[in-house]
């Protein structure tokens, strides 16, 4: 992994203050990034429905009604 010298110095200072290795800091950063991405993806999916003013029961009844309409 290639990290610019300036950033590597910042990471080293961060790790020294917290008493962790650079490898641990990088693993933690990757975990945080992946967790955040996962949350954002879930929110994006629910966001499609977030502005809909639906009552779940009525919505499901409507869909179920379509099944028998054929």
N, C-alpha and C. Protein backbone atom coordinates (compact mmCIF):
# COMPACT_ATOMS: atom_id res chain seq x y z
N UNK A 1 0.86 -1.16 0.00
CA UNK A 1 0.00 0.00 0.00
C UNK A 1 0.91 1.23 0.00
N UNK A 2 0.60 2.14 -0.88
CA UNK A 2 1.41 3.35 -0.98
C UNK A 2 0.69 4.50 -0.29
N UNK A 3 1.37 5.10 0.68
CA UNK A 3 0.81 6.23 1.43
C UNK A 3 1.80 7.38 1.33
N UNK A 4 1.35 8.56 0.92
CA UNK A 4 2.26 9.70 0.82
C UNK A 4 2.95 9.97 2.16
N UNK A 5 4.20 10.45 2.09
CA UNK A 5 4.99 10.67 3.31
C UNK A 5 4.29 11.55 4.33
N UNK A 6 3.69 12.62 3.88
CA UNK A 6 3.01 13.53 4.82
C UNK A 6 1.89 12.83 5.56
N UNK A 7 1.13 12.02 4.86
CA UNK A 7 0.03 11.27 5.49
C UNK A 7 0.57 10.20 6.43
N UNK A 8 1.67 9.58 6.03
CA UNK A 8 2.28 8.56 6.87
C UNK A 8 2.74 9.16 8.20
N UNK A 9 3.28 10.38 8.14
CA UNK A 9 3.68 11.08 9.37
C UNK A 9 2.46 11.35 10.26
N UNK A 10 1.36 11.78 9.65
CA UNK A 10 0.13 12.03 10.41
C UNK A 10 -0.38 10.74 11.06
N UNK A 11 -0.36 9.67 10.30
CA UNK A 11 -0.82 8.38 10.83
C UNK A 11 0.07 7.94 11.99
N UNK A 12 1.37 8.13 11.84
CA UNK A 12 2.30 7.76 12.90
C UNK A 12 2.03 8.55 14.18
N UNK A 13 1.79 9.85 14.06
CA UNK A 13 1.46 10.67 15.24
C UNK A 13 0.15 10.21 15.88
N UNK A 14 -0.83 9.96 15.05
CA UNK A 14 -2.14 9.48 15.53
C UNK A 14 -1.96 8.19 16.33
N UNK A 15 -1.17 7.27 15.78
CA UNK A 15 -0.96 5.97 16.42
C UNK A 15 -0.18 6.09 17.72
N UNK A 16 0.80 6.97 17.73
CA UNK A 16 1.59 7.15 18.95
C UNK A 16 0.71 7.68 20.08
N UNK A 17 -0.15 8.64 19.77
CA UNK A 17 -1.05 9.21 20.78
C UNK A 17 -1.99 8.13 21.33
N UNK A 18 -2.47 7.25 20.47
CA UNK A 18 -3.43 6.24 20.87
C UNK A 18 -2.80 4.92 21.30
N UNK A 19 -1.51 4.81 21.09
CA UNK A 19 -0.81 3.59 21.49
C UNK A 19 -1.18 2.37 20.65
N UNK A 20 -1.36 2.59 19.35
CA UNK A 20 -1.69 1.49 18.45
C UNK A 20 -0.71 1.47 17.29
N UNK A 21 -0.66 0.36 16.59
CA UNK A 21 0.22 0.26 15.42
C UNK A 21 -0.43 0.93 14.22
N UNK A 22 0.38 1.26 13.23
CA UNK A 22 -0.17 1.83 11.99
C UNK A 22 -1.09 0.83 11.31
N UNK A 23 -0.70 -0.45 11.36
CA UNK A 23 -1.54 -1.49 10.74
C UNK A 23 -2.92 -1.49 11.39
N UNK A 24 -2.97 -1.38 12.73
CA UNK A 24 -4.26 -1.37 13.44
C UNK A 24 -5.08 -0.14 13.04
N UNK A 25 -4.41 1.01 12.94
CA UNK A 25 -5.12 2.23 12.55
C UNK A 25 -5.71 2.10 11.16
N UNK A 26 -4.96 1.51 10.25
CA UNK A 26 -5.43 1.34 8.88
C UNK A 26 -6.58 0.32 8.83
N UNK A 27 -6.45 -0.78 9.58
CA UNK A 27 -7.56 -1.76 9.64
C UNK A 27 -8.82 -1.10 10.17
N UNK A 28 -8.67 -0.31 11.24
CA UNK A 28 -9.82 0.38 11.83
C UNK A 28 -10.46 1.35 10.84
N UNK A 29 -9.61 2.07 10.11
CA UNK A 29 -10.11 3.04 9.12
C UNK A 29 -10.88 2.33 8.01
N UNK A 30 -10.36 1.21 7.56
CA UNK A 30 -11.05 0.44 6.52
C UNK A 30 -12.38 -0.07 7.04
N UNK A 31 -12.40 -0.58 8.25
CA UNK A 31 -13.65 -1.07 8.85
C UNK A 31 -14.68 0.05 8.96
N UNK A 32 -14.24 1.23 9.40
CA UNK A 32 -15.16 2.37 9.50
C UNK A 32 -15.71 2.76 8.13
N UNK A 33 -14.84 2.77 7.12
CA UNK A 33 -15.26 3.13 5.77
C UNK A 33 -16.30 2.14 5.24
N UNK A 34 -16.04 0.85 5.43
CA UNK A 34 -16.96 -0.16 4.93
C UNK A 34 -18.29 -0.13 5.67
N UNK A 35 -18.24 0.12 6.97
CA UNK A 35 -19.47 0.23 7.76
C UNK A 35 -20.29 1.42 7.31
N UNK A 36 -19.62 2.56 7.12
CA UNK A 36 -20.31 3.76 6.66
C UNK A 36 -20.93 3.54 5.29
N UNK A 37 -20.18 2.90 4.40
CA UNK A 37 -20.69 2.64 3.05
C UNK A 37 -21.92 1.75 3.11
N UNK A 38 -21.88 0.74 3.97
CA UNK A 38 -23.00 -0.17 4.12
C UNK A 38 -24.24 0.58 4.60
N UNK A 39 -24.05 1.45 5.58
CA UNK A 39 -25.18 2.23 6.11
C UNK A 39 -25.73 3.14 5.03
N UNK A 40 -24.85 3.79 4.28
CA UNK A 40 -25.30 4.70 3.22
C UNK A 40 -26.07 3.95 2.14
N UNK A 41 -25.62 2.76 1.79
CA UNK A 41 -26.32 1.96 0.78
C UNK A 41 -27.71 1.58 1.26
N UNK A 42 -27.82 1.17 2.53
CA UNK A 42 -29.14 0.83 3.08
C UNK A 42 -30.05 2.05 3.10
N UNK A 43 -29.51 3.19 3.51
CA UNK A 43 -30.32 4.41 3.56
C UNK A 43 -30.77 4.83 2.17
N UNK A 44 -29.90 4.63 1.19
CA UNK A 44 -30.26 4.99 -0.18
C UNK A 44 -31.46 4.16 -0.63
N UNK A 45 -31.45 2.89 -0.32
CA UNK A 45 -32.56 2.01 -0.69
C UNK A 45 -33.85 2.42 0.00
N UNK A 46 -33.78 2.70 1.28
CA UNK A 46 -34.98 3.12 1.99
C UNK A 46 -35.39 4.53 1.59
N UNK A 47 -34.43 5.30 1.12
CA UNK A 47 -34.72 6.67 0.69
C UNK A 47 -35.71 6.73 -0.46
N UNK A 48 -35.75 5.68 -1.27
CA UNK A 48 -36.71 5.65 -2.38
C UNK A 48 -38.14 5.70 -1.87
N UNK A 49 -38.36 5.13 -0.67
CA UNK A 49 -39.70 5.06 -0.10
C UNK A 49 -39.93 6.12 0.96
N UNK A 50 -38.91 6.83 1.36
CA UNK A 50 -39.03 7.73 2.50
C UNK A 50 -40.00 8.88 2.28
N UNK A 51 -40.17 9.32 1.05
CA UNK A 51 -41.07 10.45 0.79
C UNK A 51 -42.50 10.01 0.47
N UNK A 52 -42.71 8.71 0.39
CA UNK A 52 -44.05 8.19 0.09
C UNK A 52 -44.89 8.25 1.36
N UNK A 53 -46.10 8.73 1.23
CA UNK A 53 -47.02 8.79 2.36
C UNK A 53 -47.94 7.58 2.25
N UNK A 54 -47.46 6.45 2.75
CA UNK A 54 -48.20 5.21 2.65
C UNK A 54 -48.50 4.64 4.03
N UNK A 55 -49.65 4.02 4.13
CA UNK A 55 -49.94 3.21 5.30
C UNK A 55 -49.68 1.78 4.89
N UNK A 56 -48.84 1.09 5.63
CA UNK A 56 -48.39 -0.24 5.23
C UNK A 56 -49.55 -1.19 4.96
N UNK A 57 -50.53 -1.22 5.83
CA UNK A 57 -51.66 -2.15 5.66
C UNK A 57 -52.42 -1.90 4.38
N UNK A 58 -52.74 -0.63 4.11
CA UNK A 58 -53.48 -0.30 2.89
C UNK A 58 -52.65 -0.61 1.65
N UNK A 59 -51.37 -0.33 1.72
CA UNK A 59 -50.48 -0.60 0.60
C UNK A 59 -50.45 -2.09 0.29
N UNK A 60 -50.26 -2.91 1.33
CA UNK A 60 -50.22 -4.37 1.13
C UNK A 60 -51.56 -4.91 0.64
N UNK A 61 -52.66 -4.40 1.18
CA UNK A 61 -53.97 -4.83 0.71
C UNK A 61 -54.16 -4.51 -0.77
N UNK A 62 -53.67 -3.35 -1.18
CA UNK A 62 -53.77 -2.96 -2.59
C UNK A 62 -52.98 -3.90 -3.48
N UNK A 63 -51.78 -4.21 -3.07
CA UNK A 63 -50.95 -5.13 -3.86
C UNK A 63 -51.58 -6.51 -3.89
N UNK A 64 -52.05 -6.97 -2.76
CA UNK A 64 -52.67 -8.30 -2.71
C UNK A 64 -53.93 -8.34 -3.57
N UNK A 65 -54.63 -7.23 -3.63
CA UNK A 65 -55.82 -7.14 -4.47
C UNK A 65 -55.48 -7.29 -5.94
N UNK A 66 -54.31 -6.80 -6.33
CA UNK A 66 -53.88 -6.91 -7.73
C UNK A 66 -53.64 -8.38 -8.10
N UNK A 67 -53.25 -9.19 -7.16
CA UNK A 67 -52.97 -10.59 -7.45
C UNK A 67 -54.23 -11.33 -7.87
N UNK A 68 -55.34 -10.97 -7.24
CA UNK A 68 -56.59 -11.67 -7.54
C UNK A 68 -57.36 -11.02 -8.69
N UNK A 69 -56.86 -9.90 -9.20
CA UNK A 69 -57.57 -9.16 -10.24
C UNK A 69 -57.42 -9.79 -11.63
N UNK A 70 -56.52 -10.73 -11.81
CA UNK A 70 -56.22 -11.28 -13.12
C UNK A 70 -57.23 -12.24 -13.55
